[in-house]
Each structure stands twice: as C-alpha cells, then as structure tokens.
C-alpha cells in the first residue's frame, strides 16, 4: 500500500464500518522499527477517530 497513512486508514475503515472492533495489524519482514513508528505516529491516531 505504500507510505500513505490515509490509504491504509481507508482500508481499515471498511472493516471498522462493518462492525469489527478488533483488527490484527502485522508487519511481515525485517523492518519492524519503522513499521511501529508508522503505526504509532501516523496510522493509529487516524483510526482512533474512525
């Protein structure tokens, strides 16, 4: 999906709008630290307001 947090948030919103309240987000690969920074700083705040 790339580095655009809105694109990721849009994908998650489909599930949130469908009634899901638990979604597992997993980073596959070696780049764990950048993934968690992206989650903490960019994506998670957008989803908390969804």
Foldseek 3Di string as FASTA:
>chain_A
DDLDLVVVLVVVVVVVVVPDPDDDDDDPDDPPVVVVCCCVPPHVVSNVVD
